C-alpha atoms as a PDB file:
ATOM      1  CA  MET A   1       0.000   0.000   0.000  1.00  0.00           C
ATOM      2  CA  MET A   2       2.775   2.437   0.956  1.00  0.00           C
ATOM      3  CA  ARG A   3       4.614   1.588  -2.251  1.00  0.00           C
ATOM      4  CA  ASN A   4       1.502   2.422  -4.342  1.00  0.00           C
ATOM      5  CA  ILE A   5       1.163   5.793  -2.618  1.00  0.00           C
ATOM      6  CA  LEU A   6       4.836   6.561  -3.223  1.00  0.00           C
ATOM      7  CA  VAL A   7       4.551   5.635  -6.912  1.00  0.00           C
ATOM      8  CA  PHE A   8       1.449   7.822  -7.265  1.00  0.00           C
ATOM      9  CA  VAL A   9       3.200  10.805  -5.641  1.00  0.00           C
ATOM     10  CA  LEU A  10       6.227  10.384  -7.922  1.00  0.00           C
ATOM     11  CA  ILE A  11       4.025  10.239 -11.023  1.00  0.00           C
ATOM     12  CA  VAL A  12       2.178  13.409 -10.003  1.00  0.00           C
ATOM     13  CA  MET A  13       5.486  15.188  -9.385  1.00  0.00           C
ATOM     14  CA  LEU A  14       6.853  14.084 -12.777  1.00  0.00           C
ATOM     15  CA  VAL A  15       3.759  15.215 -14.682  1.00  0.00           C
ATOM     16  CA  SER A  16       3.708  18.617 -12.983  1.00  0.00           C
ATOM     17  CA  ALA A  17       7.431  19.097 -13.650  1.00  0.00           C
ATOM     18  CA  CYS A  18       7.042  18.358 -17.383  1.00  0.00           C
ATOM     19  CA  ASP A  19       4.152  20.643 -18.230  1.00  0.00           C
ATOM     20  CA  ALA A  20       3.563  24.283 -17.430  1.00  0.00           C
ATOM     21  CA  GLN A  21       0.730  26.535 -18.498  1.00  0.00           C
ATOM     22  CA  THR A  22       1.227  30.180 -19.321  1.00  0.00           C
ATOM     23  CA  THR A  23      -1.733  32.545 -19.676  1.00  0.00           C
ATOM     24  CA  ILE A  24      -1.304  36.168 -20.639  1.00  0.00           C
ATOM     25  CA  ARG A  25      -4.191  38.644 -20.624  1.00  0.00           C
ATOM     26  CA  GLY A  26      -4.058  42.322 -21.357  1.00  0.00           C
ATOM     27  CA  HIS A  27      -4.522  44.942 -24.007  1.00  0.00           C
ATOM     28  CA  VAL A  28      -2.584  46.340 -26.952  1.00  0.00           C
ATOM     29  CA  THR A  29      -2.539  50.073 -27.671  1.00  0.00           C
ATOM     30  CA  ASP A  30      -0.471  52.709 -29.423  1.00  0.00           C
ATOM     31  CA  LYS A  31       1.312  55.483 -27.510  1.00  0.00           C
ATOM     32  CA  ASN A  32      -1.936  57.515 -27.423  1.00  0.00           C
ATOM     33  CA  ASN A  33      -3.765  54.625 -25.709  1.00  0.00           C
ATOM     34  CA  ASN A  34      -5.800  53.797 -28.846  1.00  0.00           C
ATOM     35  CA  PRO A  35      -6.550  50.058 -29.138  1.00  0.00           C
ATOM     36  CA  ILE A  36      -4.901  48.148 -31.997  1.00  0.00           C
ATOM     37  CA  PRO A  37      -7.441  45.446 -32.955  1.00  0.00           C
ATOM     38  CA  SER A  38      -5.450  44.469 -36.052  1.00  0.00           C
ATOM     39  CA  ALA A  39      -2.633  43.088 -33.879  1.00  0.00           C
ATOM     40  CA  LYS A  40      -2.093  39.384 -33.233  1.00  0.00           C
ATOM     41  CA  VAL A  41      -0.534  37.952 -30.060  1.00  0.00           C
ATOM     42  CA  TRP A  42       1.573  34.777 -29.910  1.00  0.00           C
ATOM     43  CA  LEU A  43       3.111  32.555 -27.277  1.00  0.00           C
ATOM     44  CA  VAL A  44       5.981  30.616 -28.826  1.00  0.00           C
ATOM     45  CA  TYR A  45       7.740  27.704 -27.169  1.00  0.00           C
ATOM     46  CA  GLY A  46      10.300  25.845 -29.268  1.00  0.00           C
ATOM     47  CA  SER A  47       8.431  24.666 -32.380  1.00  0.00           C
ATOM     48  CA  TRP A  48       5.008  25.077 -30.719  1.00  0.00           C
ATOM     49  CA  SER A  49       2.933  28.233 -30.756  1.00  0.00           C
ATOM     50  CA  SER A  50      -0.444  29.518 -29.622  1.00  0.00           C
ATOM     51  CA  ASP A  51      -2.008  32.684 -30.971  1.00  0.00           C
ATOM     52  CA  SER A  52      -4.967  34.962 -30.412  1.00  0.00           C
ATOM     53  CA  ASP A  53      -6.556  37.888 -32.182  1.00  0.00           C
ATOM     54  CA  VAL A  54      -6.881  41.226 -30.428  1.00  0.00           C
ATOM     55  CA  ALA A  55     -10.484  42.379 -29.843  1.00  0.00           C
ATOM     56  CA  SER A  56     -11.824  45.734 -31.037  1.00  0.00           C
ATOM     57  CA  ASP A  57     -11.168  47.234 -27.582  1.00  0.00           C
ATOM     58  CA  GLY A  58      -7.533  46.044 -27.708  1.00  0.00           C
ATOM     59  CA  ARG A  59      -8.002  43.183 -25.225  1.00  0.00           C
ATOM     60  CA  PHE A  60      -6.518  39.714 -25.670  1.00  0.00           C
ATOM     61  CA  SER A  61      -5.994  36.427 -23.849  1.00  0.00           C
ATOM     62  CA  VAL A  62      -3.603  33.695 -24.956  1.00  0.00           C
ATOM     63  CA  THR A  63      -2.794  30.413 -23.186  1.00  0.00           C
ATOM     64  CA  MET A  64      -0.262  27.710 -23.899  1.00  0.00           C
ATOM     65  CA  ILE A  65       0.714  24.476 -22.194  1.00  0.00           C
ATOM     66  CA  HIS A  66       4.431  23.854 -22.631  1.00  0.00           C
ATOM     67  CA  GLY A  67       7.386  22.048 -21.139  1.00  0.00           C
ATOM     68  CA  SER A  68       9.350  23.645 -18.358  1.00  0.00           C
ATOM     69  CA  GLY A  69      12.820  23.534 -19.930  1.00  0.00           C
ATOM     70  CA  GLU A  70      12.703  26.475 -22.325  1.00  0.00           C
ATOM     71  CA  THR A  71      11.453  30.044 -21.898  1.00  0.00           C
ATOM     72  CA  PRO A  72       8.296  30.858 -23.878  1.00  0.00           C
ATOM     73  CA  GLN A  73       8.353  34.047 -25.962  1.00  0.00           C
ATOM     74  CA  PHE A  74       5.430  36.478 -25.983  1.00  0.00           C
ATOM     75  CA  ILE A  75       5.152  38.243 -29.346  1.00  0.00           C
ATOM     76  CA  VAL A  76       2.744  40.931 -30.588  1.00  0.00           C
ATOM     77  CA  ILE A  77       2.656  41.584 -34.337  1.00  0.00           C
ATOM     78  CA  ASP A  78       0.883  44.313 -36.301  1.00  0.00           C
ATOM     79  CA  SER A  79       1.594  45.363 -39.895  1.00  0.00           C
ATOM     80  CA  SER A  80       1.962  49.082 -39.109  1.00  0.00           C
ATOM     81  CA  HIS A  81       3.844  48.860 -35.788  1.00  0.00           C
ATOM     82  CA  LYS A  82       7.143  47.536 -34.519  1.00  0.00           C
ATOM     83  CA  THR A  83       7.010  43.942 -33.279  1.00  0.00           C
ATOM     84  CA  TYR A  84       6.947  43.474 -29.505  1.00  0.00           C
ATOM     85  CA  THR A  85       8.762  40.476 -28.008  1.00  0.00           C
ATOM     86  CA  GLN A  86       9.267  39.499 -24.395  1.00  0.00           C
ATOM     87  CA  PRO A  87      10.542  36.275 -22.830  1.00  0.00           C
ATOM     88  CA  ILE A  88       8.138  34.892 -20.233  1.00  0.00           C
ATOM     89  CA  ASN A  89       9.713  33.692 -17.012  1.00  0.00           C
ATOM     90  CA  ASN A  90       8.586  30.110 -16.324  1.00  0.00           C
ATOM     91  CA  LYS A  91       7.602  31.223 -12.810  1.00  0.00           C
ATOM     92  CA  ASP A  92       5.059  33.659 -14.295  1.00  0.00           C
ATOM     93  CA  ARG A  93       2.299  31.138 -14.964  1.00  0.00           C
ATOM     94  CA  LYS A  94      -0.388  33.789 -15.308  1.00  0.00           C
ATOM     95  CA  LEU A  95       0.062  37.377 -16.380  1.00  0.00           C
ATOM     96  CA  ASP A  96      -3.066  39.508 -16.104  1.00  0.00           C
ATOM     97  CA  ASN A  97      -3.649  43.034 -17.303  1.00  0.00           C
ATOM     98  CA  LEU A  98      -0.443  43.334 -19.323  1.00  0.00           C
ATOM     99  CA  HIS A  99      -0.423  46.627 -21.245  1.00  0.00           C
ATOM    100  CA  VAL A 100       1.538  46.379 -24.490  1.00  0.00           C
ATOM    101  CA  ILE A 101       2.260  49.714 -26.178  1.00  0.00           C
ATOM    102  CA  LEU A 102       3.317  49.258 -29.801  1.00  0.00           C
ATOM    103  CA  GLU A 103       5.575  51.819 -31.428  1.00  0.00           C
ATOM    104  CA  GLU A 104       4.805  53.105 -34.913  1.00  0.00           C
ATOM    105  CA  GLY A 105       7.016  51.779 -37.683  1.00  0.00           C
ATOM    106  CA  ALA A 106       7.704  48.732 -39.776  1.00  0.00           C
ATOM    107  CA  PRO A 107       7.386  45.367 -38.045  1.00  0.00           C
ATOM    108  CA  THR A 108      10.662  44.069 -36.640  1.00  0.00           C
ATOM    109  CA  GLU A 109      12.032  40.956 -38.309  1.00  0.00           C
ATOM    110  CA  ILE A 110      11.802  37.870 -36.115  1.00  0.00           C
ATOM    111  CA  THR A 111      14.396  35.106 -36.234  1.00  0.00           C
ATOM    112  CA  ALA A 112      13.295  31.602 -37.270  1.00  0.00           C
ATOM    113  CA  LYS A 113      13.547  30.352 -33.665  1.00  0.00           C
ATOM    114  CA  GLU A 114      11.125  33.073 -32.499  1.00  0.00           C
ATOM    115  CA  SER A 115       8.911  33.038 -35.564  1.00  0.00           C
ATOM    116  CA  PRO A 116       5.290  32.056 -34.857  1.00  0.00           C
ATOM    117  CA  GLY A 117       4.403  28.849 -36.626  1.00  0.00           C
ATOM    118  CA  ALA A 118       8.015  28.135 -37.572  1.00  0.00           C
END
């Protein structure tokens, strides 16, 4: 009986160590606090990615389940603004009310490792 309990506890610990979930919620605006509904937000982890559209009021929510070994990248892309990228600390499992302010200009080129869907 004690052995079964120990095995169960080890399995639970292994599963929780392998998978992490990151959720980011917030809004995307320009420097004048105008929402940018044409933007798209991405969470990229290795070759996996999760994306979400930005609502008309600039709000978004994106969630991804990923391994715990590599740092996920949070990326916001819009055709008339510079690309926003930020590594997400694996300890930050949930980020609420993140305010992303995009700068005007051409989108920044993203390397293949960071590229959504690559």
